[in-house]
Protein backbone atom coordinates (compact mmCIF):
# COMPACT_ATOMS: atom_id res chain seq x y z
CA MET A 1 45.64 32.71 11.47
CA ASN A 2 47.77 30.25 13.36
CA ASN A 3 46.77 31.73 16.71
CA LEU A 4 43.12 31.60 15.65
CA SER A 5 43.48 28.03 14.48
CA LYS A 6 45.07 27.03 17.82
CA LEU A 7 42.28 28.79 19.66
CA GLU A 8 39.63 26.97 17.66
CA ILE A 9 41.34 23.63 18.33
CA MET A 10 41.46 24.33 22.03
CA GLN A 11 37.79 25.42 22.10
CA SER A 12 36.81 22.24 20.22
CA PHE A 13 38.80 20.11 22.65
CA LEU A 14 37.28 21.75 25.73
CA THR A 15 33.79 21.42 24.27
CA LYS A 16 34.27 17.71 23.63
CA LEU A 17 35.81 17.27 27.04
CA TRP A 18 32.77 18.92 28.68
CA GLN A 19 30.33 16.84 26.56
CA THR A 20 32.16 13.65 27.49
CA PHE A 21 32.00 14.54 31.18
CA LEU A 22 28.29 15.30 30.98
CA SER A 23 27.63 12.10 29.04
CA ILE A 24 29.43 10.02 31.65
CA ILE A 25 27.19 11.57 34.37
CA LYS A 26 24.05 10.90 32.30
CA ILE A 27 25.13 7.28 31.68
CA LEU A 28 25.72 6.73 35.41
CA LEU A 29 22.33 8.25 36.32
CA GLN A 30 20.13 7.05 33.43
CA SER A 31 21.54 3.96 31.67
CA LYS A 32 20.59 0.53 32.92
CA ARG A 33 21.97 -2.95 32.43
CA ILE A 34 20.45 -4.50 29.32
CA ASP A 35 20.38 -7.97 27.74
CA LYS A 36 22.90 -8.94 25.08
CA PRO A 37 21.51 -8.61 21.52
CA LEU A 38 20.62 -11.62 19.46
CA GLU A 39 23.81 -13.19 18.05
CA THR A 40 22.30 -15.08 15.14
CA ASP A 41 19.60 -14.49 12.50
CA GLU A 42 18.80 -16.41 9.36
CA HIS A 43 18.75 -13.21 7.32
CA GLU A 44 21.83 -11.46 5.99
CA ALA A 45 20.39 -7.96 6.10
CA ILE A 46 17.70 -5.96 7.94
CA VAL A 47 15.34 -3.26 6.67
CA ILE A 48 14.27 -0.59 9.18
CA LEU A 49 10.74 0.44 8.19
CA GLY A 50 10.21 4.11 8.97
CA ASN A 51 6.72 5.41 8.95
CA GLY A 52 7.17 8.02 6.22
CA PRO A 53 4.70 8.11 3.30
CA SER A 54 7.25 6.69 0.87
CA LEU A 55 6.95 3.32 2.58
CA ARG A 56 3.53 2.65 1.13
CA PRO A 57 4.59 2.51 -2.59
CA LEU A 58 7.61 0.39 -1.55
CA ILE A 59 5.33 -2.17 0.06
CA GLU A 60 2.78 -2.11 -2.71
CA GLN A 61 5.05 -1.97 -5.73
CA LYS A 62 8.44 -3.38 -4.69
CA ASN A 63 7.59 -5.83 -1.98
CA TYR A 64 10.11 -8.28 -3.46
CA PHE A 65 12.92 -6.22 -1.91
CA LEU A 66 11.65 -7.01 1.60
CA GLU A 67 11.11 -10.76 1.13
CA ASP A 68 14.58 -12.09 1.98
CA LYS A 69 15.43 -9.59 4.75
CA ALA A 70 14.63 -9.17 8.41
CA LEU A 71 12.18 -6.34 9.04
CA LEU A 72 12.08 -3.87 11.92
CA ALA A 73 8.95 -1.77 12.35
CA VAL A 74 8.45 1.19 14.66
CA ASN A 75 5.88 3.14 16.68
CA TYR A 76 2.34 3.02 15.18
CA ALA A 77 3.16 0.62 12.28
CA VAL A 78 1.02 -1.98 14.04
CA LEU A 79 -2.07 0.04 13.23
CA SER A 80 -1.53 -0.52 9.54
CA ALA A 81 -3.07 -3.46 7.65
CA TYR A 82 0.48 -4.08 6.34
CA TYR A 83 1.55 -5.21 9.77
CA THR A 84 0.09 -8.67 9.54
CA GLU A 85 1.08 -8.89 5.89
CA LEU A 86 4.76 -8.07 6.48
CA LYS A 87 5.03 -9.86 9.87
CA PRO A 88 8.11 -7.86 10.99
CA HIS A 89 10.70 -9.80 12.96
CA TYR A 90 11.54 -6.85 15.19
CA TYR A 91 9.67 -3.87 16.56
CA LEU A 92 11.00 -0.85 18.40
CA VAL A 93 9.33 1.85 20.49
CA ALA A 94 11.32 4.64 22.18
CA ASP A 95 9.06 7.59 22.94
CA PRO A 96 8.04 7.61 26.65
CA ALA A 97 4.57 8.80 25.56
CA PHE A 98 3.81 5.23 24.48
CA PHE A 99 4.44 3.94 27.99
CA LEU A 100 3.28 6.83 30.17
CA ASN A 101 0.35 8.27 28.19
CA SER A 102 -2.70 6.01 28.53
CA ASP A 103 -4.14 6.97 25.10
CA HIS A 104 -0.97 6.17 23.18
CA CYS A 105 -0.32 3.09 25.31
CA ASP A 106 -3.77 1.63 24.78
CA LYS A 107 -3.77 2.38 21.07
CA LEU A 108 -0.37 0.77 20.39
CA PHE A 109 -0.17 -2.20 22.72
CA ASP A 110 -3.84 -3.33 22.46
CA ALA A 111 -3.35 -3.58 18.69
CA MET A 112 0.00 -5.40 19.12
CA ALA A 113 -1.39 -7.92 21.58
CA MET A 114 -4.40 -8.67 19.30
CA LYS A 115 -2.66 -8.76 15.89
CA THR A 116 0.70 -10.50 16.61
CA THR A 117 0.49 -14.20 15.87
CA TRP A 118 4.17 -14.84 15.05
CA ASP A 119 7.38 -14.54 17.06
CA ILE A 120 8.55 -10.93 17.28
CA GLU A 121 11.36 -9.31 19.24
CA LEU A 122 9.96 -6.09 20.81
CA HIS A 123 12.64 -3.58 21.75
CA LEU A 124 11.64 -0.85 24.23
CA SER A 125 13.39 2.03 25.92
CA VAL A 126 14.46 1.23 29.50
CA LYS A 127 12.01 3.94 30.52
CA ALA A 128 9.23 1.52 29.70
CA ARG A 129 10.06 -0.47 32.81
CA LYS A 130 8.35 2.24 34.87
CA SER A 131 4.92 1.31 33.52
CA ASN A 132 2.95 -1.87 34.25
CA THR A 133 0.12 -0.97 31.90
CA TRP A 134 1.69 -2.05 28.66
CA GLN A 135 3.17 -5.16 30.32
CA SER A 136 -0.24 -6.35 31.40
CA LYS A 137 -1.55 -5.87 27.84
CA LEU A 138 1.13 -8.13 26.31
CA ALA A 139 1.37 -10.65 29.09
CA SER A 140 -1.09 -13.03 27.53
CA ASN A 141 0.65 -13.02 24.13
CA PRO A 142 3.36 -15.71 24.00
CA TYR A 143 4.79 -14.50 20.66
CA ILE A 144 6.08 -11.13 21.86
CA HIS A 145 9.57 -11.23 23.39
CA ILE A 146 10.71 -8.10 25.22
CA HIS A 147 14.14 -6.49 25.11
CA TYR A 148 15.33 -3.12 26.42
CA PHE A 149 17.79 -0.47 25.23
CA ASN A 150 19.21 2.75 26.58
CA VAL A 151 18.40 6.08 24.95
CA THR A 152 20.85 8.13 27.05
CA PRO A 153 22.23 10.86 24.73
CA VAL A 154 25.96 10.41 24.31
CA GLU A 155 28.29 13.18 23.01
CA GLY A 156 31.99 14.01 23.28
CA PHE A 157 35.20 12.49 22.04
CA THR A 158 34.79 10.00 19.19
CA CYS A 159 36.57 7.14 20.96
CA PHE A 160 34.36 7.58 24.00
CA MET A 161 31.13 7.76 21.96
CA HIS A 162 32.00 4.61 20.05
CA LEU A 163 32.77 2.76 23.27
CA ALA A 164 29.40 3.83 24.69
CA PHE A 165 27.60 2.79 21.56
CA ARG A 166 29.27 -0.67 21.54
CA LYS A 167 28.39 -1.21 25.20
CA GLY A 168 24.80 -0.10 24.64
CA TRP A 169 25.13 2.70 27.24
CA GLY A 170 23.37 5.17 25.02
CA THR A 171 22.93 6.57 21.49
CA PRO A 172 23.59 9.76 19.56
CA ARG A 173 21.01 12.37 20.64
CA PRO A 174 17.77 10.39 19.95
CA ARG A 175 15.56 13.02 18.41
CA ASN A 176 13.33 10.44 16.71
CA VAL A 177 12.70 6.70 16.66
CA LEU A 178 14.93 6.03 13.66
CA ILE A 179 18.09 6.87 15.61
CA PRO A 180 17.70 4.21 18.35
CA SER A 181 16.36 1.81 15.71
CA ILE A 182 19.59 2.03 13.75
CA MET A 183 21.68 1.69 16.89
CA VAL A 184 19.77 -1.42 17.99
CA ALA A 185 20.11 -2.94 14.51
CA LEU A 186 23.86 -2.22 14.59
CA LYS A 187 24.14 -4.42 17.71
CA MET A 188 22.45 -7.30 15.87
CA PRO A 189 24.41 -9.72 13.61
CA PHE A 190 23.47 -7.96 10.36
CA HIS A 191 26.33 -6.36 8.35
CA THR A 192 24.00 -4.48 6.01
CA ILE A 193 21.15 -2.25 7.20
CA TYR A 194 18.63 -0.66 4.82
CA ILE A 195 16.50 2.30 5.80
CA ALA A 196 13.11 2.71 4.15
CA GLY A 197 10.26 5.11 4.79
CA ALA A 198 12.66 7.70 6.23
CA ASP A 199 11.42 10.67 4.27
CA HIS A 200 12.38 13.30 6.82
CA SER A 201 10.98 15.94 4.47
CA TRP A 202 9.92 18.12 7.37
CA LEU A 203 11.16 21.31 5.80
CA LYS A 204 8.41 20.99 3.19
CA GLU A 205 5.76 20.22 5.76
CA ILE A 206 6.00 23.17 8.16
CA TRP A 207 4.83 26.70 7.67
CA VAL A 208 3.86 29.78 9.66
CA ASN A 209 0.40 31.39 9.36
CA ASP A 210 -0.54 35.10 9.62
CA ASP A 211 -0.88 34.78 13.39
CA ASN A 212 2.79 33.58 13.72
CA VAL A 213 1.61 30.06 14.61
CA VAL A 214 3.70 27.20 13.33
CA ILE A 215 1.65 24.54 11.39
CA GLU A 216 2.80 21.06 10.60
CA ASP A 217 1.41 18.85 7.87
CA LEU A 218 2.30 15.35 9.09
CA ASN A 219 1.96 12.28 6.91
CA HIS A 220 2.66 8.57 7.68
CA PHE A 221 2.44 5.61 5.39
CA TYR A 222 -0.52 4.23 7.38
CA ASP A 223 -2.53 7.51 7.18
CA LYS A 224 -5.44 6.60 4.87
CA LYS A 225 -6.59 10.21 4.50
CA GLY A 226 -3.14 11.59 3.64
CA SER A 227 -1.54 14.50 5.53
CA GLU A 228 -2.97 15.71 8.79
CA ARG A 229 -2.56 19.34 9.78
CA PHE A 230 -1.50 20.14 13.36
CA VAL A 231 -0.89 23.35 15.26
CA SER A 232 2.61 22.94 16.68
CA ASP A 233 3.27 23.68 20.31
CA LYS A 234 6.84 24.80 19.40
CA HIS A 235 8.35 27.90 17.86
CA LEU A 236 9.94 27.54 14.41
CA HIS A 237 13.47 27.83 15.78
CA ASP A 238 12.79 24.97 18.20
CA LEU A 239 11.57 22.74 15.37
CA LEU A 240 14.60 23.62 13.20
CA LEU A 241 16.96 22.90 16.11
CA SER A 242 15.35 19.49 16.61
CA MET A 243 15.86 18.78 12.88
CA TYR A 244 19.49 19.87 13.11
CA VAL A 245 20.10 17.47 16.02
CA ALA A 246 18.51 14.55 14.17
CA PHE A 247 20.45 15.03 10.92
CA LYS A 248 23.69 15.54 12.86
CA SER A 249 23.05 12.28 14.76
CA TYR A 250 22.88 10.42 11.44
CA HIS A 251 26.37 11.55 10.52
CA ILE A 252 27.64 10.42 13.92
CA ILE A 253 25.96 7.01 13.29
CA GLU A 254 27.48 6.73 9.83
CA ALA A 255 31.03 7.28 11.20
CA TYR A 256 30.41 4.70 13.91
CA THR A 257 28.98 2.24 11.39
CA ARG A 258 32.18 2.48 9.31
CA SER A 259 34.32 1.99 12.38
CA ILE A 260 32.70 -1.39 13.14
CA GLY A 261 32.77 -2.59 9.49
CA LYS A 262 29.09 -2.45 8.73
CA LYS A 263 27.08 -0.62 6.04
CA ILE A 264 23.91 1.47 6.00
CA TYR A 265 21.97 2.17 2.78
CA ASN A 266 19.12 4.61 2.54
CA VAL A 267 16.54 3.27 0.04
CA THR A 268 13.98 5.97 0.74
CA GLU A 269 12.87 7.80 -2.37
CA GLY A 270 13.32 11.55 -1.88
CA SER A 271 14.78 11.29 1.62
CA PHE A 272 16.32 14.40 3.15
CA ILE A 273 18.87 12.37 5.11
CA ASP A 274 22.32 13.13 3.72
CA ALA A 275 24.47 10.88 5.88
CA PHE A 276 24.02 7.43 4.34
CA ASP A 277 24.82 6.13 0.88
CA ARG A 278 21.73 5.79 -1.31
CA LYS A 279 20.57 2.68 -3.12
CA LYS A 280 17.80 2.68 -5.65
CA ILE A 281 15.48 -0.30 -5.65
């Protein structure tokens, strides 16, 4: 047993060493210099508004919880009627499709340019710099202030990962928009971060038909017709691996959050995320 234990320790060390080496290469090749985050905010806490279906009852029935906190919205939240009602202070978009795919770009940034009549800090992946399309759409709106962040995946030794996170060189493997949203919020002055609308109940929303095709029933809080059914372009094991990566990233984030003396609470009813302490509203 002792020999096996030593072997496992050595294998773990070599794995982390290799991950650290690869992460350094990725940082050197992919990460860019970014602006320093805002150092002050009148609010004591921030709520990250995920786009899961549980966000709708929170907004409609428990809106008082959001009133004294900064709000960060993501992705297609601007398409909801709630966008102009909530007037989020921050907005974050990470997926390259929003910058490089004309349909997604037009849909998102045309709505943002038209609807935003208050000051908002828009955080975008550094990959957005490659596209001038979205920039031209927002150029005439003086209320939208642009910031960038790196989404370079960082793995390896804990001390190295935490250094990279503090410097803004990258994030835990960013399998969805919530991961970079939390990392950006952690660089802001807030000591308490709440996560809402992060259902992540994907295990209940995927199935395989008789033709061995994977089907996904996707639902967002802004979907007026409820769940939409999609034929996935992935095999089931690919989807499950993506879920594994996302849920593991949350545990990495939780450990980092504790190391810098901050706190994350998940206030999402029925959320599948098991990394953060829950708080019932």
